[in-house]
Each structure stands twice: as structure tokens, then as C-alpha cells.
Amino acid sequence: MEACRACLRQRLHAFEPDRHARIHCLVRPGSRDLTELFARHAESRPLANDTSCGAGFAPASLLERVVLAVEQDLTAPASVAARPQIGEDVKVLGVRRGDRIELTLACATVDRHLADLPAYLETRAWVRERAGRVAHEIADREVEVVVNAADDPAAGSVYLTVTGTSAEAGDDGQTGRGNRVGGLITPYRPMTLEAAAGNPRRLRADGADQPAARCADARPGARGAAEDRAGEADGRPSGQRPRPPGAAAAPG
């Protein structure tokens, strides 16, 4: 249990495990069928109780690199130390329309570090400017950034949290099937439907996505492949294909 508390303290700077969480430790025996299966493992080659697979791709497109860089910059320890009013719960949705990149950010803020509404709005503006700057460092394209699109400042409705994460309101994702181990949700890319936080012992391939991506990235010629290839698989040379919108998301 102390390991759980230490992990929460390390990853969420505004989260106080003793105040903000109740941790229950339940360790129980597995089903008879599964325990017998694992017992046979010592006497033979590894056995599995289910089917699963891991998938990876390379190289990352320009949009994917932008989305991941923006999320990682805003949640980096240096950024959190400089702006403690920003929580680690940052989600970035990126869409490419031709040569234009549109980023929509959901950035949880920590209420005790914001004195009033103007302070919140200043922080939101800083996040927008910072995200745009990071995106432009990677992509020499037009970039539009929207932060906390559901806000209604006139009505006093803004994205405030106590802990810096929407999990406090029940939006915790639990297993988190959308949270890919590589840091991105890529709807136009091959990926498994297994969750990295699912059953790591029984479904070994849940964690195989990252090694698969590394193998794909190490393949000769992978890094020289054309960027923004998502959805472009109709058999025509790339110069003759209409460029579809691209999409990627960093769940945070």
C-alpha cells in the first residue's frame, strides 16, 4: 500500500494520498483452472489461457510527433515546478487538415494555486502559447491551439480540480484501453485492443506493443518513410493520392 502512495505522490504533485484516496489491498487466489495452468508451466514450455497480440508501427508522423511533444512538455517536471497550477492530467487531440494542424487540449488546473478567475485565464493563455511554440518547433505549419474548450468563464465554469486530475470526479479510465503504451492513441494506425494495465501476467501481449513499435522503428528504411501516411493506402503513388485528415491523441 505504501508503494501505491509513493507512486501517486511521484506522479501527481497536487495529490495527497492520505487525504485524497482510500487504498484497499485485496490479494486473493486465482481460479482453479488458471492456477493449475500456471503450475504446469514449470514442467513444460510457457502456456497461455487466452489469445492476444501486440502491434507497433514506425515512423511516427509529423502530427504524432507534435501531439506527443506538446503533452510531454506540459507535464514535464520542469513545467510543473514552474507552473504548479497545471495538473499532470493533460490530454492533447491533434487533427491535420491538409497542411494545417489543429490541437485541442484538456488541461486540468489545481485550484489552490489560482487566486481568482483572471489567474486561471492567464494560465490557460500560457498553456495555449506554450503548446503552439512547441508545435512550431517541430512542424513548420499553421497551428491552431484551443485549451479547455468546455470553459464558460462568464458563467464561472472552468476546468478546476483539487488534485490536478479529472480522476477525482470518477473520470479515471480504470483499465484505460485507450491509453497506448507509446503515449499516443492513433486511430489510423495498427494497434491492439488490449489494455496495458489489464492483465499483465495472463495476457503477455498487453505489453508487447512497445517492443513491436521499437522493432518496426529499427527496420531499415523505416525512418525515411513518408510522414503523415495515416489512411494513405489506396495503392497510388503518394504524390497522386488525396491527403486525408490525420488524427492523433495523447491521453495524459
Protein backbone atom coordinates (compact mmCIF):
# COMPACT_ATOMS: atom_id res chain seq x y z
CA MET A 1 0.00 0.00 0.00
CA GLU A 2 2.87 2.35 0.73
CA ALA A 3 4.18 1.66 -2.77
CA CYS A 4 0.82 2.84 -4.14
CA ARG A 5 1.00 6.02 -2.08
CA ALA A 6 4.58 6.67 -3.20
CA CYS A 7 3.62 6.20 -6.85
CA LEU A 8 0.72 8.66 -6.54
CA ARG A 9 2.94 11.24 -4.84
CA GLN A 10 5.55 10.91 -7.55
CA ARG A 11 3.17 11.23 -10.49
CA LEU A 12 0.65 13.77 -9.19
CA HIS A 13 2.25 16.73 -7.44
CA ALA A 14 -1.04 18.06 -6.06
CA PHE A 15 -2.33 14.69 -4.91
CA GLU A 16 -2.10 13.83 -1.21
CA PRO A 17 -2.77 10.08 -0.89
CA ASP A 18 -3.59 10.22 2.82
CA ARG A 19 -6.27 12.87 2.21
CA HIS A 20 -7.46 12.24 -1.33
CA ALA A 21 -7.61 8.45 -1.59
CA ARG A 22 -8.56 5.28 0.22
CA ILE A 23 -6.37 2.39 -0.88
CA HIS A 24 -7.67 -1.14 -0.40
CA CYS A 25 -5.33 -4.09 -0.93
CA LEU A 26 -7.12 -7.28 -1.92
CA VAL A 27 -4.98 -10.34 -2.71
CA ARG A 28 -6.96 -13.49 -3.38
CA PRO A 29 -6.20 -16.84 -5.05
CA GLY A 30 -6.91 -17.20 -8.75
CA SER A 31 -9.38 -19.64 -10.24
CA ARG A 32 -8.58 -23.33 -10.02
CA ASP A 33 -8.23 -23.68 -13.79
CA LEU A 34 -5.71 -20.85 -14.03
CA THR A 35 -3.63 -21.89 -11.04
CA GLU A 36 -3.36 -25.44 -12.46
CA LEU A 37 -2.34 -23.99 -15.82
CA PHE A 38 0.44 -21.93 -14.27
CA ALA A 39 1.56 -24.90 -12.15
CA ARG A 40 2.14 -26.88 -15.35
CA HIS A 41 4.32 -24.01 -16.65
CA ALA A 42 7.25 -25.20 -14.54
CA GLU A 43 7.20 -28.60 -16.22
CA SER A 44 6.79 -27.56 -19.84
CA ARG A 45 7.08 -24.63 -22.19
CA PRO A 46 5.07 -21.49 -21.32
CA LEU A 47 1.33 -21.94 -21.55
CA ALA A 48 -1.38 -19.35 -22.22
CA ASN A 49 -5.01 -19.21 -21.18
CA ASP A 50 -6.04 -16.68 -23.83
CA THR A 51 -5.10 -15.31 -27.24
CA SER A 52 -3.64 -11.85 -27.71
CA CYS A 53 -1.18 -9.93 -29.86
CA GLY A 54 0.97 -6.81 -29.90
CA ALA A 55 1.21 -4.33 -32.78
CA GLY A 56 3.58 -1.46 -33.49
CA PHE A 57 4.36 0.96 -36.32
CA ALA A 58 7.13 3.31 -37.42
CA PRO A 59 7.99 6.04 -38.07
CA ALA A 60 5.78 8.48 -36.17
CA SER A 61 4.12 11.03 -38.43
CA LEU A 62 4.70 14.74 -38.07
CA LEU A 63 1.32 15.14 -36.35
CA GLU A 64 2.04 12.31 -33.95
CA ARG A 65 5.38 13.83 -33.01
CA VAL A 66 3.73 17.22 -32.40
CA VAL A 67 0.97 15.79 -30.18
CA LEU A 68 3.36 13.74 -28.06
CA ALA A 69 5.87 16.59 -27.71
CA VAL A 70 3.18 19.04 -26.54
CA GLU A 71 1.85 16.64 -23.90
CA GLN A 72 5.32 15.71 -22.66
CA ASP A 73 6.41 19.34 -22.44
CA LEU A 74 3.40 20.45 -20.41
CA THR A 75 3.69 17.54 -17.98
CA ALA A 76 7.49 17.63 -17.63
CA PRO A 77 8.77 18.12 -14.05
CA ALA A 78 10.27 21.49 -15.00
CA SER A 79 6.91 22.75 -16.33
CA VAL A 80 5.03 21.51 -13.25
CA ALA A 81 7.60 23.13 -10.95
CA ALA A 82 7.34 26.44 -12.79
CA ARG A 83 3.54 26.31 -13.02
CA PRO A 84 2.18 24.20 -10.13
CA GLN A 85 -1.33 25.35 -11.04
CA ILE A 86 -1.15 22.94 -14.00
CA GLY A 87 -2.06 19.35 -13.21
CA GLU A 88 -0.48 16.27 -14.78
CA ASP A 89 -3.82 15.38 -16.37
CA VAL A 90 -3.22 16.87 -19.82
CA LYS A 91 -4.87 15.44 -22.92
CA VAL A 92 -3.96 16.58 -26.44
CA LEU A 93 -6.04 15.88 -29.55
CA GLY A 94 -4.39 16.66 -32.85
CA VAL A 95 -6.02 16.83 -36.28
CA ARG A 96 -4.27 17.62 -39.56
CA ARG A 97 -6.33 19.16 -42.35
CA GLY A 98 -4.01 19.39 -45.32
CA ASP A 99 -1.04 21.42 -44.08
CA ARG A 100 -2.93 22.86 -41.11
CA ILE A 101 -2.62 21.35 -37.62
CA GLU A 102 -5.36 21.81 -35.02
CA LEU A 103 -4.68 20.96 -31.38
CA THR A 104 -7.37 20.73 -28.70
CA LEU A 105 -6.05 20.49 -25.14
CA ALA A 106 -7.81 19.49 -21.94
CA CYS A 107 -5.58 20.76 -19.14
CA ALA A 108 -6.63 20.22 -15.54
CA THR A 109 -5.71 23.05 -13.18
CA VAL A 110 -5.13 22.96 -9.42
CA ASP A 111 -7.48 25.32 -7.59
CA ARG A 112 -5.31 26.18 -4.60
CA HIS A 113 -2.65 27.64 -6.89
CA LEU A 114 -5.09 30.01 -8.61
CA ALA A 115 -6.21 33.09 -6.71
CA ASP A 116 -9.13 34.01 -8.97
CA LEU A 117 -10.65 33.75 -12.44
CA PRO A 118 -8.12 36.14 -14.07
CA ALA A 119 -5.32 33.92 -12.74
CA TYR A 120 -6.98 30.91 -14.32
CA LEU A 121 -7.40 32.69 -17.65
CA GLU A 122 -3.75 33.78 -17.59
CA THR A 123 -2.69 30.17 -17.00
CA ARG A 124 -4.89 28.94 -19.83
CA ALA A 125 -3.37 31.54 -22.15
CA TRP A 126 0.12 30.42 -21.11
CA VAL A 127 -0.72 26.80 -21.90
CA ARG A 128 -2.03 27.83 -25.33
CA GLU A 129 1.08 29.85 -26.12
CA ARG A 130 3.42 27.13 -24.85
CA ALA A 131 1.69 24.39 -26.84
CA GLY A 132 1.81 26.48 -30.00
CA ARG A 133 5.50 27.20 -29.53
CA VAL A 134 6.38 23.52 -29.03
CA ALA A 135 4.31 22.56 -32.08
CA HIS A 136 6.05 25.16 -34.27
CA GLU A 137 9.47 23.89 -33.18
CA ILE A 138 8.59 20.55 -34.79
CA ALA A 139 6.25 21.50 -37.63
CA ASP A 140 6.69 24.47 -39.94
CA ARG A 141 2.96 24.71 -40.50
CA GLU A 142 -0.04 26.71 -39.42
CA VAL A 143 -1.06 25.57 -35.94
CA GLU A 144 -4.27 26.41 -34.08
CA VAL A 145 -4.50 25.63 -30.35
CA VAL A 146 -7.65 25.55 -28.22
CA VAL A 147 -7.40 24.93 -24.47
CA ASN A 148 -10.27 23.72 -22.26
CA ALA A 149 -12.92 24.23 -24.91
CA ALA A 150 -15.76 23.48 -22.46
CA ASP A 151 -14.97 26.55 -20.33
CA ASP A 152 -17.60 29.25 -19.84
CA PRO A 153 -15.75 31.99 -17.92
CA ALA A 154 -18.76 34.31 -17.95
CA ALA A 155 -20.73 31.71 -16.01
CA GLY A 156 -17.77 30.85 -13.77
CA SER A 157 -17.48 27.37 -15.26
CA VAL A 158 -13.82 26.44 -15.82
CA TYR A 159 -11.63 23.33 -15.52
CA LEU A 160 -10.64 23.42 -11.85
CA THR A 161 -9.62 20.38 -9.81
CA VAL A 162 -8.25 19.73 -6.33
CA THR A 163 -5.71 17.08 -7.33
CA GLY A 164 -4.75 18.07 -10.88
CA THR A 165 -6.62 15.15 -12.46
CA SER A 166 -10.19 14.51 -13.55
CA ALA A 167 -9.99 11.12 -11.79
CA GLU A 168 -11.25 12.82 -8.64
CA ALA A 169 -14.67 13.14 -10.30
CA GLY A 170 -14.79 9.49 -11.35
CA ASP A 171 -13.31 10.06 -14.82
CA ASP A 172 -10.42 7.71 -14.09
CA GLY A 173 -10.49 5.37 -17.06
CA GLN A 174 -9.84 2.33 -14.83
CA THR A 175 -8.07 -0.12 -17.13
CA GLY A 176 -7.57 2.60 -19.73
CA ARG A 177 -7.94 0.76 -23.02
CA GLY A 178 -7.33 3.98 -24.92
CA ASN A 179 -4.01 4.69 -23.19
CA ARG A 180 -1.48 3.10 -25.51
CA VAL A 181 1.94 2.28 -24.07
CA GLY A 182 3.65 4.52 -26.64
CA GLY A 183 1.85 7.60 -25.32
CA LEU A 184 -0.49 8.10 -28.29
CA ILE A 185 -3.94 7.00 -29.38
CA THR A 186 -3.65 6.66 -33.17
CA PRO A 187 -6.98 5.81 -34.85
CA TYR A 188 -5.46 5.39 -38.35
CA ARG A 189 -2.67 3.08 -37.19
CA PRO A 190 -2.49 -0.64 -36.41
CA MET A 191 -2.91 -1.28 -32.71
CA THR A 192 -4.32 -3.92 -30.41
CA LEU A 193 -7.39 -3.52 -28.24
CA GLU A 194 -5.70 -4.90 -25.15
CA ALA A 195 -5.04 -2.60 -22.22
CA ALA A 196 -1.51 -2.24 -20.86
CA ALA A 197 -2.97 -2.05 -17.34
CA GLY A 198 -5.23 -5.07 -17.86
CA ASN A 199 -3.90 -8.50 -17.01
CA PRO A 200 -0.12 -8.26 -17.43
CA ARG A 201 0.53 -11.78 -16.17
CA ARG A 202 -2.13 -13.64 -18.10
CA LEU A 203 -2.09 -11.55 -21.30
CA ARG A 204 1.60 -11.11 -22.00
CA ALA A 205 0.92 -9.32 -25.30
CA ASP A 206 -0.74 -6.42 -23.49
CA GLY A 207 2.76 -5.01 -23.04
CA ALA A 208 4.08 -6.14 -26.43
CA ASP A 209 3.01 -3.01 -28.32
CA GLN A 210 6.10 -1.04 -27.29
CA PRO A 211 8.66 -3.71 -28.28
CA ALA A 212 6.73 -4.17 -31.55
CA ALA A 213 7.00 -0.43 -32.24
CA ARG A 214 10.74 -0.49 -31.49
CA CYS A 215 11.22 -3.39 -33.91
CA ALA A 216 9.28 -1.52 -36.61
CA ASP A 217 11.30 1.63 -35.99
CA ALA A 218 14.57 -0.32 -36.28
CA ARG A 219 13.61 -1.79 -39.67
CA PRO A 220 15.91 -0.49 -42.45
CA GLY A 221 14.29 2.46 -44.22
CA ALA A 222 11.59 3.00 -41.60
CA ARG A 223 12.82 6.43 -40.59
CA GLY A 224 12.95 7.57 -44.19
CA ALA A 225 9.33 6.70 -44.91
CA ALA A 226 6.95 9.48 -45.88
CA GLU A 227 5.32 11.31 -43.00
CA ASP A 228 1.60 11.63 -42.43
CA ARG A 229 0.92 8.29 -44.09
CA ALA A 230 -2.14 7.51 -41.98
CA GLY A 231 -5.01 6.37 -44.16
CA GLU A 232 -2.97 6.64 -47.38
CA ALA A 233 -3.09 3.04 -48.56
CA ASP A 234 -5.03 3.08 -51.83
CA GLY A 235 -2.10 1.86 -53.94
CA ARG A 236 -1.38 5.10 -55.82
CA PRO A 237 1.97 6.91 -55.57
CA SER A 238 1.88 9.35 -52.66
CA GLY A 239 2.05 12.36 -54.97
CA GLN A 240 -1.19 11.26 -56.64
CA ARG A 241 -3.17 10.50 -53.51
CA PRO A 242 -5.52 12.99 -51.88
CA ARG A 243 -4.12 13.67 -48.38
CA PRO A 244 -6.72 12.61 -45.79
CA PRO A 245 -7.05 14.28 -42.43
CA GLY A 246 -4.71 12.85 -39.83
CA ALA A 247 -5.52 12.39 -36.18
CA ALA A 248 -3.66 11.51 -33.04
CA ALA A 249 -4.24 11.97 -29.35
CA ALA A 250 -2.09 11.92 -26.24
CA PRO A 251 -4.32 10.83 -23.33
CA GLY A 252 -2.21 12.08 -20.48
